[in-house]
Amino acid sequence: MNPTIAIVILAAGKSSRLGQPKQLLPFKGKSLLIHVVQIAKQVSENVFVIIGSDKKKMEAEIKNEAVDTVFNEAWEEGMASSIRCGLLRATEKIQDLGSVIFMVCDQPFVTTGLLQNLVQEKERSGKAIVASAYAEIAGTPVLFDKSVWPELMELQGDIGARKIIVKNKERVATIDFPLGKVDMDTAEDYRKLLLQKDLI
């Protein structure tokens, strides 16, 4: 484990298109939230879970996990507020923090190996940003070196960090994560996941 790396799990959204909290959907015997939390904890001892909508349910779900649960009071603003919230807490708590990995709950095929690859690619390439590549985009999970944090703190509204990735292409390295395109925005997405989970 690298003490200078923190992992921020963005779990504050309302899942309005799905009609229920996607964070709590069952997957392989546990919720998607617990699934990503347990993966993150194998890579860093500094794991921060940003919650917002359904606060009490989320707190109850992860009460037995050794993570720092952070309530984002501005969660209704969108993804940017959770990025700022998580980064602020992580930098306040860890003095020698050098990099932060941001994850979401609805990429069920994230693995510890993938997160470790982000860290290793950062060390190998020296790039400030290491993103996961899938479906012709670069996205989450994504690692940001501290040199990029001021830009993250300026994000506003319901946009994630992809804007910064696109803007800083010369500072970006990527690792392949073809299953990163699988996410849980709708009930149909979840149904498809359950059909394929035993095949992968």
Protein backbone atom coordinates (compact mmCIF):
# COMPACT_ATOMS: atom_id res chain seq x y z
CA MET A 1 0.00 0.00 0.00
CA ASN A 2 1.21 3.47 -0.89
CA PRO A 3 0.38 6.04 1.82
CA THR A 4 0.77 8.91 -0.62
CA ILE A 5 -2.19 7.71 -2.71
CA ALA A 6 -5.84 8.19 -1.76
CA ILE A 7 -8.90 6.73 -3.44
CA VAL A 8 -12.10 8.76 -3.62
CA ILE A 9 -15.29 6.83 -4.41
CA LEU A 10 -18.00 9.08 -5.85
CA ALA A 11 -21.29 7.72 -4.47
CA ALA A 12 -23.44 10.80 -3.89
CA GLY A 13 -25.76 10.66 -6.89
CA LYS A 14 -29.50 10.07 -6.86
CA SER A 15 -29.66 7.55 -9.75
CA SER A 16 -32.78 9.27 -11.07
CA ARG A 17 -32.78 7.36 -14.38
CA LEU A 18 -32.59 4.04 -12.57
CA GLY A 19 -35.32 4.82 -10.04
CA GLN A 20 -33.37 3.41 -7.07
CA PRO A 21 -29.89 3.93 -5.61
CA LYS A 22 -27.49 2.20 -8.02
CA GLN A 23 -24.92 2.11 -5.21
CA LEU A 24 -27.02 -0.52 -3.42
CA LEU A 25 -27.77 -2.82 -6.37
CA PRO A 26 -26.71 -6.41 -5.60
CA PHE A 27 -23.76 -7.76 -7.57
CA LYS A 28 -22.04 -11.07 -6.85
CA GLY A 29 -23.43 -11.29 -3.35
CA LYS A 30 -22.84 -7.70 -2.26
CA SER A 31 -23.87 -4.19 -3.21
CA LEU A 32 -22.00 -2.33 -5.94
CA LEU A 33 -20.87 0.15 -3.28
CA ILE A 34 -19.37 -2.51 -1.01
CA HIS A 35 -17.83 -4.15 -4.08
CA VAL A 36 -15.85 -1.04 -5.06
CA VAL A 37 -15.03 -0.12 -1.45
CA GLN A 38 -13.44 -3.50 -0.79
CA ILE A 39 -11.44 -3.31 -4.01
CA ALA A 40 -10.20 0.19 -3.16
CA LYS A 41 -9.15 -0.86 0.35
CA GLN A 42 -6.79 -3.45 -1.10
CA VAL A 43 -4.88 -0.72 -2.93
CA SER A 44 -4.84 2.15 -0.43
CA GLU A 45 -5.53 2.54 3.27
CA ASN A 46 -6.83 6.03 2.51
CA VAL A 47 -10.29 5.46 1.04
CA PHE A 48 -12.91 8.22 1.04
CA VAL A 49 -16.55 7.56 0.14
CA ILE A 50 -18.50 10.65 -0.90
CA ILE A 51 -22.21 10.30 -0.18
CA GLY A 52 -25.17 12.62 -0.71
CA SER A 53 -28.57 11.30 -1.79
CA ASP A 54 -29.98 8.55 0.45
CA LYS A 55 -27.43 9.51 3.11
CA LYS A 56 -28.71 7.22 5.87
CA LYS A 57 -28.87 4.19 3.57
CA MET A 58 -25.33 4.75 2.37
CA GLU A 59 -23.99 5.24 5.89
CA ALA A 60 -25.69 2.05 7.03
CA GLU A 61 -24.31 0.13 4.04
CA ILE A 62 -20.66 0.95 4.75
CA LYS A 63 -20.75 1.31 8.54
CA ASN A 64 -18.55 -1.76 8.97
CA GLU A 65 -15.99 -0.73 6.37
CA ALA A 66 -12.82 1.08 7.44
CA VAL A 67 -13.31 4.08 5.19
CA ASP A 68 -13.73 7.82 5.64
CA THR A 69 -17.37 8.61 4.83
CA VAL A 70 -17.87 12.19 3.68
CA PHE A 71 -21.29 13.78 3.25
CA ASN A 72 -21.34 16.21 0.33
CA GLU A 73 -23.87 18.86 1.30
CA ALA A 74 -23.82 20.20 -2.27
CA TRP A 75 -24.43 16.81 -3.89
CA GLU A 76 -27.41 18.07 -5.90
CA GLU A 77 -25.04 20.29 -7.88
CA GLY A 78 -23.67 17.16 -9.51
CA MET A 79 -20.45 15.23 -9.95
CA ALA A 80 -18.12 18.24 -9.74
CA SER A 81 -19.15 18.99 -6.17
CA SER A 82 -18.29 15.45 -5.07
CA ILE A 83 -14.88 15.65 -6.75
CA ARG A 84 -14.15 18.89 -4.91
CA CYS A 85 -15.51 17.51 -1.64
CA GLY A 86 -13.44 14.33 -1.83
CA LEU A 87 -10.25 16.08 -2.86
CA LEU A 88 -10.61 18.64 -0.08
CA ARG A 89 -11.09 15.98 2.60
CA ALA A 90 -8.21 13.86 1.32
CA THR A 91 -5.75 16.75 1.21
CA GLU A 92 -6.81 17.93 4.66
CA LYS A 93 -6.30 14.51 6.17
CA ILE A 94 -3.10 13.33 4.46
CA GLN A 95 -0.09 15.62 4.57
CA ASP A 96 2.14 13.78 2.09
CA LEU A 97 -0.59 13.01 -0.43
CA GLY A 98 0.74 12.89 -3.98
CA SER A 99 -2.02 11.34 -6.10
CA VAL A 100 -5.76 10.70 -5.90
CA ILE A 101 -7.69 8.02 -7.77
CA PHE A 102 -11.35 8.78 -8.44
CA MET A 103 -13.78 5.86 -8.85
CA VAL A 104 -17.52 5.50 -9.36
CA CYS A 105 -19.82 2.79 -8.03
CA ASP A 106 -21.37 1.63 -11.26
CA GLN A 107 -18.36 0.12 -13.02
CA PRO A 108 -18.71 -3.42 -11.65
CA PHE A 109 -15.68 -4.86 -13.42
CA VAL A 110 -13.10 -2.63 -11.74
CA THR A 111 -10.37 -4.74 -10.08
CA THR A 112 -7.50 -4.18 -7.69
CA GLY A 113 -5.18 -4.97 -10.58
CA LEU A 114 -6.66 -2.13 -12.62
CA LEU A 115 -6.13 0.39 -9.80
CA GLN A 116 -2.58 -0.85 -9.29
CA ASN A 117 -1.97 -0.45 -13.02
CA LEU A 118 -2.97 3.22 -12.75
CA VAL A 119 -0.34 3.74 -10.07
CA GLN A 120 2.33 1.79 -11.96
CA GLU A 121 1.64 3.67 -15.19
CA LYS A 122 1.98 6.97 -13.32
CA GLU A 123 5.39 5.88 -12.07
CA ARG A 124 6.43 4.54 -15.48
CA SER A 125 5.21 7.42 -17.65
CA GLY A 126 5.60 10.35 -15.29
CA LYS A 127 2.30 11.71 -16.59
CA ALA A 128 0.14 13.83 -14.29
CA ILE A 129 -3.07 12.02 -15.27
CA VAL A 130 -3.59 8.29 -15.83
CA ALA A 131 -7.06 7.37 -17.08
CA SER A 132 -8.86 4.16 -18.00
CA ALA A 133 -9.50 3.74 -21.73
CA TYR A 134 -12.76 2.22 -23.01
CA ALA A 135 -15.31 2.89 -25.73
CA GLU A 136 -12.97 5.44 -27.36
CA ILE A 137 -12.85 7.65 -24.26
CA ALA A 138 -10.53 8.10 -21.29
CA GLY A 139 -12.35 8.08 -17.98
CA THR A 140 -12.75 6.51 -14.56
CA PRO A 141 -11.08 5.11 -12.64
CA VAL A 142 -8.62 7.93 -13.12
CA LEU A 143 -5.52 9.03 -11.21
CA PHE A 144 -4.63 12.72 -10.81
CA ASP A 145 -1.24 13.94 -9.64
CA LYS A 146 -1.29 16.87 -7.21
CA SER A 147 -0.25 19.22 -10.04
CA VAL A 148 -3.78 18.86 -11.48
CA TRP A 149 -5.71 19.39 -8.25
CA PRO A 150 -6.23 23.15 -8.68
CA GLU A 151 -8.11 22.41 -11.93
CA LEU A 152 -10.24 19.78 -10.19
CA MET A 153 -11.19 22.27 -7.50
CA GLU A 154 -12.48 24.65 -10.18
CA LEU A 155 -14.95 22.12 -11.67
CA GLN A 156 -18.59 23.17 -11.46
CA GLY A 157 -21.96 21.54 -12.12
CA ASP A 158 -22.89 18.06 -13.23
CA ILE A 159 -19.68 17.27 -15.03
CA GLY A 160 -16.92 14.94 -14.02
CA ALA A 161 -13.21 15.23 -14.58
CA ARG A 162 -13.33 14.14 -18.22
CA LYS A 163 -13.25 17.80 -19.22
CA ILE A 164 -9.81 18.09 -17.63
CA ILE A 165 -8.61 14.86 -19.24
CA VAL A 166 -9.60 16.11 -22.70
CA LYS A 167 -8.07 19.53 -22.07
CA ASN A 168 -4.71 18.08 -20.95
CA LYS A 169 -4.12 15.34 -23.51
CA GLU A 170 -0.36 15.84 -23.50
CA ARG A 171 -0.32 15.15 -19.74
CA VAL A 172 -2.42 11.97 -19.95
CA ALA A 173 -1.44 8.31 -20.05
CA THR A 174 -4.07 5.56 -20.35
CA ILE A 175 -4.48 1.91 -19.48
CA ASP A 176 -6.90 -0.41 -21.23
CA PHE A 177 -10.15 -1.18 -19.42
CA PRO A 178 -12.61 -2.38 -22.09
CA LEU A 179 -15.20 -3.41 -19.49
CA GLY A 180 -15.24 0.15 -18.19
CA LYS A 181 -18.03 0.87 -20.64
CA VAL A 182 -20.37 -1.30 -18.53
CA ASP A 183 -22.24 0.98 -16.15
CA MET A 184 -25.61 1.12 -14.40
CA ASP A 185 -27.56 4.16 -15.54
CA THR A 186 -30.84 2.35 -16.25
CA ALA A 187 -32.74 -0.78 -15.21
CA GLU A 188 -31.92 -2.25 -18.62
CA ASP A 189 -28.20 -1.72 -17.95
CA TYR A 190 -28.55 -3.66 -14.70
CA ARG A 191 -30.50 -6.46 -16.35
CA LYS A 192 -27.74 -6.85 -18.93
CA LEU A 193 -25.13 -6.92 -16.21
CA LEU A 194 -26.85 -9.76 -14.40
CA LEU A 195 -27.03 -11.72 -17.65
CA GLN A 196 -23.31 -11.39 -18.36
CA LYS A 197 -21.71 -11.38 -14.91
CA ASP A 198 -21.16 -15.14 -14.85
CA LEU A 199 -19.64 -15.13 -18.31
CA ILE A 200 -16.77 -12.78 -17.55
